[in-house]
Amino acid sequence: MDVSSASTIDTRLVYGFKDAGKTTYISDCLRYDFFYKYGTTLILCFERGDEEYDSELLREKNANVAYYDGSREVGEFCRDQIERYKPDRIYAEMCTEYPDARDQFPEDMNITSAVTWIDWETLDLYYAYFRQDISDMVRQSIQVTFRGCPSKELLIPYSQGFRLMNNKASYLREDPMGFHEKAFDLFVPYSLDESRITITAGEYLIFWLDAAEHPEHYDGKLLCFTDPLELRRITDNGKWSAGRVVMTCCMADLQFMSFELAEADDLDGGWITMEAAGYLSADEYGRKVLKLKPENVSYAAAPEGLILEAGRTA
């Protein structure tokens, strides 16, 4: 393995608020992998919490750490440290005070992964007052870990909100003893064994999340939407889609959570209730997705609340 021959440097981002466990996580990565046998690791630290990196561990694992003090541009700081240490791998301990740091990284820093750590003791506070910051971190991450959470049941109120921020990420709970397990189980409020499933406005977000993760649950099912859905054209292919606008964290962060409709060219837009057959299809990347074929459509007035909110609900 010749890591020094690569034209770019494998860069791994670690997000989280102060003292969320970022330093511990990076230290554990150094401690338990064998990269030190093949190359050097540089830790770019954009935040300094209470925990420090162990100097003996750094020496043993062929690693160095550099702290950013905000006195110069992020890009200049990174280039200087890369020139100084000539690393084969980089961990970047990110900080919410520098939300644009990633955009200033030199081109030779090739971001290969990003994870987010959230401390259970401060989750309620940050979720209430800094949800946009959480969303910004989670959306860029492939894995989110809730550190120090005593019980999986305590995370149920946050399930919907986090899944809407990023429904492709893996969510883990780490208990106070370091045990890991899946953080969220999505419980649907209807029977998946029925051939006909009724979905209300209050159930739509849960349905959308489950269909995104398990589209096969609804293949061949008759789906009855009793509350109005909005029709919008899909920009890429001009086909109709039906769904609802959802506020995932704040009014500046609205998303149209919808499903593509098949054989629906005669629709005129607006709001509808409908019965539709669900079937499996593939998106442009070959991933399985759920699409809907309308069978019984009625135009309807827009609901009083045009926006669904992903609050702290199970």
C-alpha atoms as a PDB file:
ATOM      1  CA  MET A   1       0.000   0.000   0.000  1.00  0.00           C
ATOM      2  CA  ASP A   2       1.578   3.262  -1.144  1.00  0.00           C
ATOM      3  CA  VAL A   3      -0.551   5.996   0.364  1.00  0.00           C
ATOM      4  CA  SER A   4       1.947   8.720  -0.508  1.00  0.00           C
ATOM      5  CA  SER A   5       1.420   8.279  -4.231  1.00  0.00           C
ATOM      6  CA  ALA A   6      -2.162   9.519  -4.150  1.00  0.00           C
ATOM      7  CA  SER A   7      -2.768  12.933  -5.730  1.00  0.00           C
ATOM      8  CA  THR A   8      -5.374  13.799  -3.090  1.00  0.00           C
ATOM      9  CA  ILE A   9      -5.496  13.224   0.656  1.00  0.00           C
ATOM     10  CA  ASP A  10      -8.212  11.064   2.209  1.00  0.00           C
ATOM     11  CA  THR A  11     -10.081  13.525   4.471  1.00  0.00           C
ATOM     12  CA  ARG A  12     -12.681  12.524   7.057  1.00  0.00           C
ATOM     13  CA  LEU A  13     -14.904  15.123   8.717  1.00  0.00           C
ATOM     14  CA  VAL A  14     -16.166  14.829  12.286  1.00  0.00           C
ATOM     15  CA  TYR A  15     -19.035  17.194  13.173  1.00  0.00           C
ATOM     16  CA  GLY A  16     -20.567  18.036  16.539  1.00  0.00           C
ATOM     17  CA  PHE A  17     -21.034  20.787  19.099  1.00  0.00           C
ATOM     18  CA  LYS A  18     -18.349  21.443  21.694  1.00  0.00           C
ATOM     19  CA  ASP A  19     -17.511  18.426  23.881  1.00  0.00           C
ATOM     20  CA  ALA A  20     -19.841  16.138  21.915  1.00  0.00           C
ATOM     21  CA  GLY A  21     -17.216  13.403  21.707  1.00  0.00           C
ATOM     22  CA  LYS A  22     -15.338  14.324  18.529  1.00  0.00           C
ATOM     23  CA  THR A  23     -11.870  14.101  20.089  1.00  0.00           C
ATOM     24  CA  THR A  24     -12.673  10.747  21.704  1.00  0.00           C
ATOM     25  CA  TYR A  25     -13.961   9.392  18.402  1.00  0.00           C
ATOM     26  CA  ILE A  26     -10.873  10.434  16.425  1.00  0.00           C
ATOM     27  CA  SER A  27      -8.599   9.096  19.171  1.00  0.00           C
ATOM     28  CA  ASP A  28     -10.406   5.751  19.029  1.00  0.00           C
ATOM     29  CA  CYS A  29     -10.027   5.656  15.246  1.00  0.00           C
ATOM     30  CA  LEU A  30      -6.276   6.132  15.654  1.00  0.00           C
ATOM     31  CA  ARG A  31      -6.070   3.607  18.474  1.00  0.00           C
ATOM     32  CA  TYR A  32      -7.881   0.762  16.737  1.00  0.00           C
ATOM     33  CA  ASP A  33      -6.856   0.955  13.081  1.00  0.00           C
ATOM     34  CA  PHE A  34      -3.534   0.078  11.474  1.00  0.00           C
ATOM     35  CA  PHE A  35      -3.070   3.097   9.233  1.00  0.00           C
ATOM     36  CA  TYR A  36       0.034   4.169  11.161  1.00  0.00           C
ATOM     37  CA  LYS A  37       1.863   1.221   9.605  1.00  0.00           C
ATOM     38  CA  TYR A  38       1.390   2.671   6.129  1.00  0.00           C
ATOM     39  CA  GLY A  39       1.298   6.446   6.504  1.00  0.00           C
ATOM     40  CA  THR A  40       0.847   9.540   8.632  1.00  0.00           C
ATOM     41  CA  THR A  41      -2.331  11.126   9.966  1.00  0.00           C
ATOM     42  CA  LEU A  42      -2.962  14.844  10.467  1.00  0.00           C
ATOM     43  CA  ILE A  43      -5.775  16.082  12.708  1.00  0.00           C
ATOM     44  CA  LEU A  44      -7.004  19.562  11.795  1.00  0.00           C
ATOM     45  CA  CYS A  45      -8.817  20.772  14.890  1.00  0.00           C
ATOM     46  CA  PHE A  46     -11.174  23.729  14.409  1.00  0.00           C
ATOM     47  CA  GLU A  47     -12.404  23.618  17.999  1.00  0.00           C
ATOM     48  CA  ARG A  48     -10.621  22.999  21.286  1.00  0.00           C
ATOM     49  CA  GLY A  49     -12.768  21.368  23.967  1.00  0.00           C
ATOM     50  CA  ASP A  50     -11.966  20.070  27.434  1.00  0.00           C
ATOM     51  CA  GLU A  51     -10.476  16.827  26.153  1.00  0.00           C
ATOM     52  CA  GLU A  52      -6.989  16.907  24.659  1.00  0.00           C
ATOM     53  CA  TYR A  53      -5.300  14.444  22.332  1.00  0.00           C
ATOM     54  CA  ASP A  54      -2.892  12.107  24.099  1.00  0.00           C
ATOM     55  CA  SER A  55       0.637  12.977  22.973  1.00  0.00           C
ATOM     56  CA  GLU A  56       1.871   9.411  23.483  1.00  0.00           C
ATOM     57  CA  LEU A  57      -0.970   8.039  21.351  1.00  0.00           C
ATOM     58  CA  LEU A  58      -0.129  10.530  18.601  1.00  0.00           C
ATOM     59  CA  ARG A  59       3.495   9.420  18.600  1.00  0.00           C
ATOM     60  CA  GLU A  60       2.599   5.728  18.579  1.00  0.00           C
ATOM     61  CA  LYS A  61       0.113   6.130  15.744  1.00  0.00           C
ATOM     62  CA  ASN A  62       2.255   8.372  13.536  1.00  0.00           C
ATOM     63  CA  ALA A  63      -0.164  11.297  13.921  1.00  0.00           C
ATOM     64  CA  ASN A  64       0.001  15.051  14.454  1.00  0.00           C
ATOM     65  CA  VAL A  65      -2.579  17.620  15.510  1.00  0.00           C
ATOM     66  CA  ALA A  66      -2.858  21.274  14.455  1.00  0.00           C
ATOM     67  CA  TYR A  67      -5.280  23.758  16.052  1.00  0.00           C
ATOM     68  CA  TYR A  68      -6.962  26.530  14.088  1.00  0.00           C
ATOM     69  CA  ASP A  69      -7.093  29.829  16.005  1.00  0.00           C
ATOM     70  CA  GLY A  70      -9.147  31.888  13.550  1.00  0.00           C
ATOM     71  CA  SER A  71      -6.367  34.381  12.846  1.00  0.00           C
ATOM     72  CA  ARG A  72      -6.151  33.558   9.122  1.00  0.00           C
ATOM     73  CA  GLU A  73      -8.096  31.984   6.307  1.00  0.00           C
ATOM     74  CA  VAL A  74      -9.058  28.334   6.711  1.00  0.00           C
ATOM     75  CA  GLY A  75      -7.565  27.416   3.345  1.00  0.00           C
ATOM     76  CA  GLU A  76      -4.221  29.009   4.198  1.00  0.00           C
ATOM     77  CA  PHE A  77      -4.126  27.217   7.551  1.00  0.00           C
ATOM     78  CA  CYS A  78      -4.840  23.839   5.924  1.00  0.00           C
ATOM     79  CA  ARG A  79      -2.237  24.310   3.193  1.00  0.00           C
ATOM     80  CA  ASP A  80       0.432  25.296   5.726  1.00  0.00           C
ATOM     81  CA  GLN A  81      -0.251  22.239   7.898  1.00  0.00           C
ATOM     82  CA  ILE A  82      -0.287  19.903   4.898  1.00  0.00           C
ATOM     83  CA  GLU A  83       3.046  21.329   3.750  1.00  0.00           C
ATOM     84  CA  ARG A  84       4.479  21.005   7.250  1.00  0.00           C
ATOM     85  CA  TYR A  85       3.343  17.459   8.077  1.00  0.00           C
ATOM     86  CA  LYS A  86       2.839  15.960   4.589  1.00  0.00           C
ATOM     87  CA  PRO A  87       0.021  13.677   5.782  1.00  0.00           C
ATOM     88  CA  ASP A  88      -1.367  10.640   4.012  1.00  0.00           C
ATOM     89  CA  ARG A  89      -4.698  10.969   5.828  1.00  0.00           C
ATOM     90  CA  ILE A  90      -6.563  13.858   7.488  1.00  0.00           C
ATOM     91  CA  TYR A  91      -9.218  13.999  10.195  1.00  0.00           C
ATOM     92  CA  ALA A  92     -10.936  17.382  10.461  1.00  0.00           C
ATOM     93  CA  GLU A  93     -12.587  18.101  13.809  1.00  0.00           C
ATOM     94  CA  MET A  94     -15.220  20.585  12.691  1.00  0.00           C
ATOM     95  CA  CYS A  95     -16.756  23.499  14.593  1.00  0.00           C
ATOM     96  CA  THR A  96     -20.121  25.246  14.226  1.00  0.00           C
ATOM     97  CA  GLU A  97     -18.354  28.614  14.605  1.00  0.00           C
ATOM     98  CA  TYR A  98     -16.852  28.047  11.151  1.00  0.00           C
ATOM     99  CA  PRO A  99     -19.777  26.664   9.122  1.00  0.00           C
ATOM    100  CA  ASP A 100     -18.082  27.441   5.804  1.00  0.00           C
ATOM    101  CA  ALA A 101     -14.742  25.817   6.663  1.00  0.00           C
ATOM    102  CA  ARG A 102     -15.419  22.823   4.427  1.00  0.00           C
ATOM    103  CA  ASP A 103     -15.884  25.074   1.399  1.00  0.00           C
ATOM    104  CA  GLN A 104     -12.435  26.597   1.997  1.00  0.00           C
ATOM    105  CA  PHE A 105     -10.498  23.333   2.134  1.00  0.00           C
ATOM    106  CA  PRO A 106      -7.746  22.990  -0.508  1.00  0.00           C
ATOM    107  CA  GLU A 107      -8.614  20.871  -3.528  1.00  0.00           C
ATOM    108  CA  ASP A 108      -6.172  18.148  -2.525  1.00  0.00           C
ATOM    109  CA  MET A 109      -8.245  17.429   0.597  1.00  0.00           C
ATOM    110  CA  ASN A 110     -10.574  14.740  -0.760  1.00  0.00           C
ATOM    111  CA  ILE A 111     -13.556  14.385   1.593  1.00  0.00           C
ATOM    112  CA  THR A 112     -14.394  10.685   1.760  1.00  0.00           C
ATOM    113  CA  SER A 113     -16.743  10.598   4.751  1.00  0.00           C
ATOM    114  CA  ALA A 114     -18.434  12.717   7.402  1.00  0.00           C
ATOM    115  CA  VAL A 115     -19.957  11.745  10.742  1.00  0.00           C
ATOM    116  CA  THR A 116     -21.767  13.706  13.453  1.00  0.00           C
ATOM    117  CA  TRP A 117     -21.587  13.219  17.223  1.00  0.00           C
ATOM    118  CA  ILE A 118     -24.361  14.559  19.468  1.00  0.00           C
ATOM    119  CA  ASP A 119     -24.138  14.506  23.261  1.00  0.00           C
ATOM    120  CA  TRP A 120     -27.325  13.274  24.906  1.00  0.00           C
ATOM    121  CA  GLU A 121     -27.050  15.703  27.837  1.00  0.00           C
ATOM    122  CA  THR A 122     -27.315  18.736  25.549  1.00  0.00           C
ATOM    123  CA  LEU A 123     -29.504  17.306  22.766  1.00  0.00           C
ATOM    124  CA  ASP A 124     -32.751  18.827  24.044  1.00  0.00           C
ATOM    125  CA  LEU A 125     -31.209  22.301  24.321  1.00  0.00           C
ATOM    126  CA  TYR A 126     -29.533  22.266  20.919  1.00  0.00           C
ATOM    127  CA  TYR A 127     -32.551  20.700  19.203  1.00  0.00           C
ATOM    128  CA  ALA A 128     -34.791  23.457  20.562  1.00  0.00           C
ATOM    129  CA  TYR A 129     -32.553  26.447  19.813  1.00  0.00           C
ATOM    130  CA  PHE A 130     -29.920  25.370  17.269  1.00  0.00           C
ATOM    131  CA  ARG A 131     -31.825  22.970  15.045  1.00  0.00           C
ATOM    132  CA  GLN A 132     -30.537  24.576  11.861  1.00  0.00           C
ATOM    133  CA  ASP A 133     -26.948  23.941  12.981  1.00  0.00           C
ATOM    134  CA  ILE A 134     -27.836  20.322  13.709  1.00  0.00           C
ATOM    135  CA  SER A 135     -29.476  19.985  10.307  1.00  0.00           C
ATOM    136  CA  ASP A 136     -26.430  21.421   8.533  1.00  0.00           C
ATOM    137  CA  MET A 137     -24.192  18.813  10.174  1.00  0.00           C
ATOM    138  CA  VAL A 138     -26.533  15.852   9.826  1.00  0.00           C
ATOM    139  CA  ARG A 139     -27.240  16.437   6.145  1.00  0.00           C
ATOM    140  CA  GLN A 140     -23.574  16.072   5.302  1.00  0.00           C
ATOM    141  CA  SER A 141     -23.061  12.936   7.400  1.00  0.00           C
ATOM    142  CA  ILE A 142     -23.248   9.240   6.642  1.00  0.00           C
ATOM    143  CA  GLN A 143     -23.547   8.396  10.341  1.00  0.00           C
ATOM    144  CA  VAL A 144     -24.958  10.210  13.384  1.00  0.00           C
ATOM    145  CA  THR A 145     -24.226   8.952  16.903  1.00  0.00           C
ATOM    146  CA  PHE A 146     -26.088  10.013  20.061  1.00  0.00           C
ATOM    147  CA  ARG A 147     -23.471   9.762  22.794  1.00  0.00           C
ATOM    148  CA  GLY A 148     -24.299   8.759  26.360  1.00  0.00           C
ATOM    149  CA  CYS A 149     -28.023   8.126  25.828  1.00  0.00           C
ATOM    150  CA  PRO A 150     -29.226   5.758  28.604  1.00  0.00           C
ATOM    151  CA  SER A 151     -32.222   4.337  26.722  1.00  0.00           C
ATOM    152  CA  LYS A 152     -33.294   3.927  23.115  1.00  0.00           C
ATOM    153  CA  GLU A 153     -36.837   4.952  24.056  1.00  0.00           C
ATOM    154  CA  LEU A 154     -35.603   8.432  24.997  1.00  0.00           C
ATOM    155  CA  LEU A 155     -34.740   9.065  21.336  1.00  0.00           C
ATOM    156  CA  ILE A 156     -38.223   8.272  19.988  1.00  0.00           C
ATOM    157  CA  PRO A 157     -39.394  11.939  20.072  1.00  0.00           C
ATOM    158  CA  TYR A 158     -36.485  12.914  17.794  1.00  0.00           C
ATOM    159  CA  SER A 159     -36.879  10.128  15.236  1.00  0.00           C
ATOM    160  CA  GLN A 160     -38.999  11.928  12.674  1.00  0.00           C
ATOM    161  CA  GLY A 161     -37.055  15.192  12.758  1.00  0.00           C
ATOM    162  CA  PHE A 162     -33.653  13.595  12.259  1.00  0.00           C
ATOM    163  CA  ARG A 163     -34.853  11.226   9.542  1.00  0.00           C
ATOM    164  CA  LEU A 164     -36.216  14.188   7.597  1.00  0.00           C
ATOM    165  CA  MET A 165     -32.892  15.995   7.896  1.00  0.00           C
ATOM    166  CA  ASN A 166     -31.158  13.001   6.303  1.00  0.00           C
ATOM    167  CA  ASN A 167     -33.054   9.787   5.648  1.00  0.00           C
ATOM    168  CA  LYS A 168     -29.977   8.082   4.182  1.00  0.00           C
ATOM    169  CA  ALA A 169     -27.746   8.417   7.255  1.00  0.00           C
ATOM    170  CA  SER A 170     -27.219   5.678   9.831  1.00  0.00           C
ATOM    171  CA  TYR A 171     -28.329   6.686  13.339  1.00  0.00           C
ATOM    172  CA  LEU A 172     -26.692   5.032  16.348  1.00  0.00           C
ATOM    173  CA  ARG A 173     -27.172   5.235  20.109  1.00  0.00           C
ATOM    174  CA  GLU A 174     -24.087   4.928  22.291  1.00  0.00           C
ATOM    175  CA  ASP A 175     -24.991   4.197  25.905  1.00  0.00           C
ATOM    176  CA  PRO A 176     -22.867   5.435  28.863  1.00  0.00           C
ATOM    177  CA  MET A 177     -20.916   2.141  28.801  1.00  0.00           C
ATOM    178  CA  GLY A 178     -20.019   2.493  25.112  1.00  0.00           C
ATOM    179  CA  PHE A 179     -22.528  -0.041  23.737  1.00  0.00           C
ATOM    180  CA  HIS A 180     -23.866   0.809  20.268  1.00  0.00           C
ATOM    181  CA  GLU A 181     -27.225   0.006  18.696  1.00  0.00           C
ATOM    182  CA  LYS A 182     -29.549   1.417  16.043  1.00  0.00           C
ATOM    183  CA  ALA A 183     -31.053   4.645  17.390  1.00  0.00           C
ATOM    184  CA  PHE A 184     -34.428   4.741  15.669  1.00  0.00           C
ATOM    185  CA  ASP A 185     -37.140   2.236  14.853  1.00  0.00           C
ATOM    186  CA  LEU A 186     -39.890   3.691  12.699  1.00  0.00           C
ATOM    187  CA  PHE A 187     -43.325   2.531  13.851  1.00  0.00           C
ATOM    188  CA  VAL A 188     -46.034   3.038  11.226  1.00  0.00           C
ATOM    189  CA  PRO A 189     -49.549   3.728  12.578  1.00  0.00           C
ATOM    190  CA  TYR A 190     -51.232   1.309  10.153  1.00  0.00           C
ATOM    191  CA  SER A 191     -50.949  -2.352   9.248  1.00  0.00           C
ATOM    192  CA  LEU A 192     -48.529  -3.209   6.457  1.00  0.00           C
ATOM    193  CA  ASP A 193     -50.329  -6.539   6.062  1.00  0.00           C
ATOM    194  CA  GLU A 194     -53.423  -4.881   4.600  1.00  0.00           C
ATOM    195  CA  SER A 195     -53.812  -4.569   0.820  1.00  0.00           C
ATOM    196  CA  ARG A 196     -55.495  -1.170   1.293  1.00  0.00           C
ATOM    197  CA  ILE A 197     -53.781   1.436   3.475  1.00  0.00           C
ATOM    198  CA  THR A 198     -55.362   4.758   4.458  1.00  0.00           C
ATOM    199  CA  ILE A 199     -52.982   7.668   5.052  1.00  0.00           C
ATOM    200  CA  THR A 200     -54.041  10.933   6.717  1.00  0.00           C
ATOM    201  CA  ALA A 201     -52.148  14.221   6.865  1.00  0.00           C
ATOM    202  CA  GLY A 202     -50.932  13.345  10.354  1.00  0.00           C
ATOM    203  CA  GLU A 203     -49.494  10.075   9.056  1.00  0.00           C
ATOM    204  CA  TYR A 204     -47.987  11.394   5.837  1.00  0.00           C
ATOM    205  CA  LEU A 205     -44.472  12.110   7.151  1.00  0.00           C
ATOM    206  CA  ILE A 206     -44.182   8.671   8.720  1.00  0.00           C
ATOM    207  CA  PHE A 207     -45.417   7.113   5.472  1.00  0.00           C
ATOM    208  CA  TRP A 208     -42.934   9.130   3.396  1.00  0.00           C
ATOM    209  CA  LEU A 209     -40.008   8.167   5.629  1.00  0.00           C
ATOM    210  CA  ASP A 210     -40.914   4.484   5.658  1.00  0.00           C
ATOM    211  CA  ALA A 211     -41.439   4.456   1.885  1.00  0.00           C
ATOM    212  CA  ALA A 212     -38.052   6.103   1.376  1.00  0.00           C
ATOM    213  CA  GLU A 213     -36.331   3.435   3.484  1.00  0.00           C
ATOM    214  CA  HIS A 214     -38.540   0.460   2.579  1.00  0.00           C
ATOM    215  CA  PRO A 215     -40.384   1.111  -0.714  1.00  0.00           C
ATOM    216  CA  GLU A 216     -41.132  -2.613  -0.941  1.00  0.00           C
ATOM    217  CA  HIS A 217     -43.601  -2.217   1.948  1.00  0.00           C
ATOM    218  CA  TYR A 218     -46.045  -0.528  -0.433  1.00  0.00           C
ATOM    219  CA  ASP A 219     -45.476  -2.430  -3.661  1.00  0.00           C
ATOM    220  CA  GLY A 220     -48.867  -3.607  -4.957  1.00  0.00           C
ATOM    221  CA  LYS A 221     -50.794  -1.825  -2.188  1.00  0.00           C
ATOM    222  CA  LEU A 222     -53.755   0.498  -2.736  1.00  0.00           C
ATOM    223  CA  LEU A 223     -52.870   3.739  -0.934  1.00  0.00           C
ATOM    224  CA  CYS A 224     -55.754   6.012   0.043  1.00  0.00           C
ATOM    225  CA  PHE A 225     -54.802   9.628   0.784  1.00  0.00           C
ATOM    226  CA  THR A 226     -57.799  11.115   2.583  1.00  0.00           C
ATOM    227  CA  ASP A 227     -56.301  14.583   3.085  1.00  0.00           C
ATOM    228  CA  PRO A 228     -55.198  16.871   0.240  1.00  0.00           C
ATOM    229  CA  LEU A 229     -51.815  16.485  -1.447  1.00  0.00           C
ATOM    230  CA  GLU A 230     -50.236  19.189  -3.583  1.00  0.00           C
ATOM    231  CA  LEU A 231     -49.428  18.513  -7.246  1.00  0.00           C
ATOM    232  CA  ARG A 232     -46.151  19.809  -8.657  1.00  0.00           C
ATOM    233  CA  ARG A 233     -44.247  19.183 -11.864  1.00  0.00           C
ATOM    234  CA  ILE A 234     -40.884  17.438 -11.532  1.00  0.00           C
ATOM    235  CA  THR A 235     -38.262  19.697 -13.078  1.00  0.00           C
ATOM    236  CA  ASP A 236     -36.137  16.936 -14.600  1.00  0.00           C
ATOM    237  CA  ASN A 237     -38.805  14.974 -16.473  1.00  0.00           C
ATOM    238  CA  GLY A 238     -41.925  17.151 -16.436  1.00  0.00           C
ATOM    239  CA  LYS A 239     -44.049  14.486 -14.738  1.00  0.00           C
ATOM    240  CA  TRP A 240     -46.451  15.176 -11.914  1.00  0.00           C
ATOM    241  CA  SER A 241     -45.609  14.463  -8.297  1.00  0.00           C
ATOM    242  CA  ALA A 242     -47.897  14.588  -5.271  1.00  0.00           C
ATOM    243  CA  GLY A 243     -46.826  15.444  -1.743  1.00  0.00           C
ATOM    244  CA  ARG A 244     -46.600  18.034   1.016  1.00  0.00           C
ATOM    245  CA  VAL A 245     -44.206  20.829   1.927  1.00  0.00           C
ATOM    246  CA  VAL A 246     -42.386  19.977   5.148  1.00  0.00           C
ATOM    247  CA  MET A 247     -40.478  22.252   7.524  1.00  0.00           C
ATOM    248  CA  THR A 248     -37.593  20.111   8.737  1.00  0.00           C
ATOM    249  CA  CYS A 249     -36.050  22.615  11.143  1.00  0.00           C
ATOM    250  CA  CYS A 250     -37.103  26.225  10.400  1.00  0.00           C
ATOM    251  CA  MET A 251     -38.986  28.320   7.838  1.00  0.00           C
ATOM    252  CA  ALA A 252     -35.759  28.766   5.883  1.00  0.00           C
ATOM    253  CA  ASP A 253     -35.598  25.010   5.379  1.00  0.00           C
ATOM    254  CA  LEU A 254     -38.669  23.795   3.492  1.00  0.00           C
ATOM    255  CA  GLN A 255     -38.732  20.627   1.390  1.00  0.00           C
ATOM    256  CA  PHE A 256     -41.379  19.135  -0.882  1.00  0.00           C
ATOM    257  CA  MET A 257     -41.687  15.499   0.206  1.00  0.00           C
ATOM    258  CA  SER A 258     -43.447  13.817  -2.689  1.00  0.00           C
ATOM    259  CA  PHE A 259     -43.891  10.784  -4.938  1.00  0.00           C
ATOM    260  CA  GLU A 260     -43.758  10.663  -8.724  1.00  0.00           C
ATOM    261  CA  LEU A 261     -47.089   9.842 -10.367  1.00  0.00           C
ATOM    262  CA  ALA A 262     -47.385   7.479 -13.326  1.00  0.00           C
ATOM    263  CA  GLU A 263     -49.924   7.868 -16.149  1.00  0.00           C
ATOM    264  CA  ALA A 264     -51.088  11.211 -14.768  1.00  0.00           C
ATOM    265  CA  ASP A 265     -50.586  13.572 -17.713  1.00  0.00           C
ATOM    266  CA  ASP A 266     -54.244  14.655 -17.650  1.00  0.00           C
ATOM    267  CA  LEU A 267     -53.943  16.291 -14.232  1.00  0.00           C
ATOM    268  CA  ASP A 268     -54.117  20.084 -13.981  1.00  0.00           C
ATOM    269  CA  GLY A 269     -52.253  20.853 -10.779  1.00  0.00           C
ATOM    270  CA  GLY A 270     -53.619  22.139  -7.507  1.00  0.00           C
ATOM    271  CA  TRP A 271     -54.611  19.901  -4.596  1.00  0.00           C
ATOM    272  CA  ILE A 272     -56.081  16.400  -4.717  1.00  0.00           C
ATOM    273  CA  THR A 273     -57.188  13.471  -2.632  1.00  0.00           C
ATOM    274  CA  MET A 274     -56.640  10.133  -4.289  1.00  0.00           C
ATOM    275  CA  GLU A 275     -56.429   6.398  -4.266  1.00  0.00           C
ATOM    276  CA  ALA A 276     -53.255   5.188  -5.950  1.00  0.00           C
ATOM    277  CA  ALA A 277     -51.527   1.894  -6.601  1.00  0.00           C
ATOM    278  CA  GLY A 278     -47.996   1.749  -5.236  1.00  0.00           C
ATOM    279  CA  TYR A 279     -45.301   0.049  -7.262  1.00  0.00           C
ATOM    280  CA  LEU A 280     -41.527  -0.317  -7.195  1.00  0.00           C
ATOM    281  CA  SER A 281     -39.403   1.523  -9.726  1.00  0.00           C
ATOM    282  CA  ALA A 282     -35.803   2.732  -9.946  1.00  0.00           C
ATOM    283  CA  ASP A 283     -34.350   6.223  -9.801  1.00  0.00           C
ATOM    284  CA  GLU A 284     -31.554   7.547 -12.016  1.00  0.00           C
ATOM    285  CA  TYR A 285     -28.969   5.814  -9.824  1.00  0.00           C
ATOM    286  CA  GLY A 286     -30.695   2.442  -9.952  1.00  0.00           C
ATOM    287  CA  ARG A 287     -32.018   2.625  -6.389  1.00  0.00           C
ATOM    288  CA  LYS A 288     -35.475   1.244  -5.612  1.00  0.00           C
ATOM    289  CA  VAL A 289     -38.121   3.925  -5.114  1.00  0.00           C
ATOM    290  CA  LEU A 290     -41.879   3.958  -4.647  1.00  0.00           C
ATOM    291  CA  LYS A 291     -44.028   5.512  -7.370  1.00  0.00           C
ATOM    292  CA  LEU A 292     -47.787   5.950  -7.429  1.00  0.00           C
ATOM    293  CA  LYS A 293     -50.330   5.244 -10.164  1.00  0.00           C
ATOM    294  CA  PRO A 294     -53.512   7.252  -9.456  1.00  0.00           C
ATOM    295  CA  GLU A 295     -56.731   5.255  -9.773  1.00  0.00           C
ATOM    296  CA  ASN A 296     -59.292   7.602  -8.262  1.00  0.00           C
ATOM    297  CA  VAL A 297     -58.546  11.338  -8.081  1.00  0.00           C
ATOM    298  CA  SER A 298     -60.669  14.156  -6.659  1.00  0.00           C
ATOM    299  CA  TYR A 299     -59.655  17.800  -6.666  1.00  0.00           C
ATOM    300  CA  ALA A 300     -59.776  19.432  -3.243  1.00  0.00           C
ATOM    301  CA  ALA A 301     -59.308  22.763  -1.513  1.00  0.00           C
ATOM    302  CA  ALA A 302     -55.903  23.509  -0.051  1.00  0.00           C
ATOM    303  CA  PRO A 303     -55.662  22.662   3.662  1.00  0.00           C
ATOM    304  CA  GLU A 304     -55.555  25.440   6.247  1.00  0.00           C
ATOM    305  CA  GLY A 305     -52.002  24.508   7.170  1.00  0.00           C
ATOM    306  CA  LEU A 306     -49.981  24.419   3.960  1.00  0.00           C
ATOM    307  CA  ILE A 307     -46.799  23.268   5.712  1.00  0.00           C
ATOM    308  CA  LEU A 308     -46.267  20.113   7.740  1.00  0.00           C
ATOM    309  CA  GLU A 309     -43.836  20.485  10.615  1.00  0.00           C
ATOM    310  CA  ALA A 310     -41.408  17.753  11.593  1.00  0.00           C
ATOM    311  CA  GLY A 311     -41.622  18.401  15.290  1.00  0.00           C
ATOM    312  CA  ARG A 312     -40.589  16.199  18.169  1.00  0.00           C
ATOM    313  CA  THR A 313     -43.087  13.490  17.420  1.00  0.00           C
ATOM    314  CA  ALA A 314     -42.541   9.767  17.179  1.00  0.00           C
END
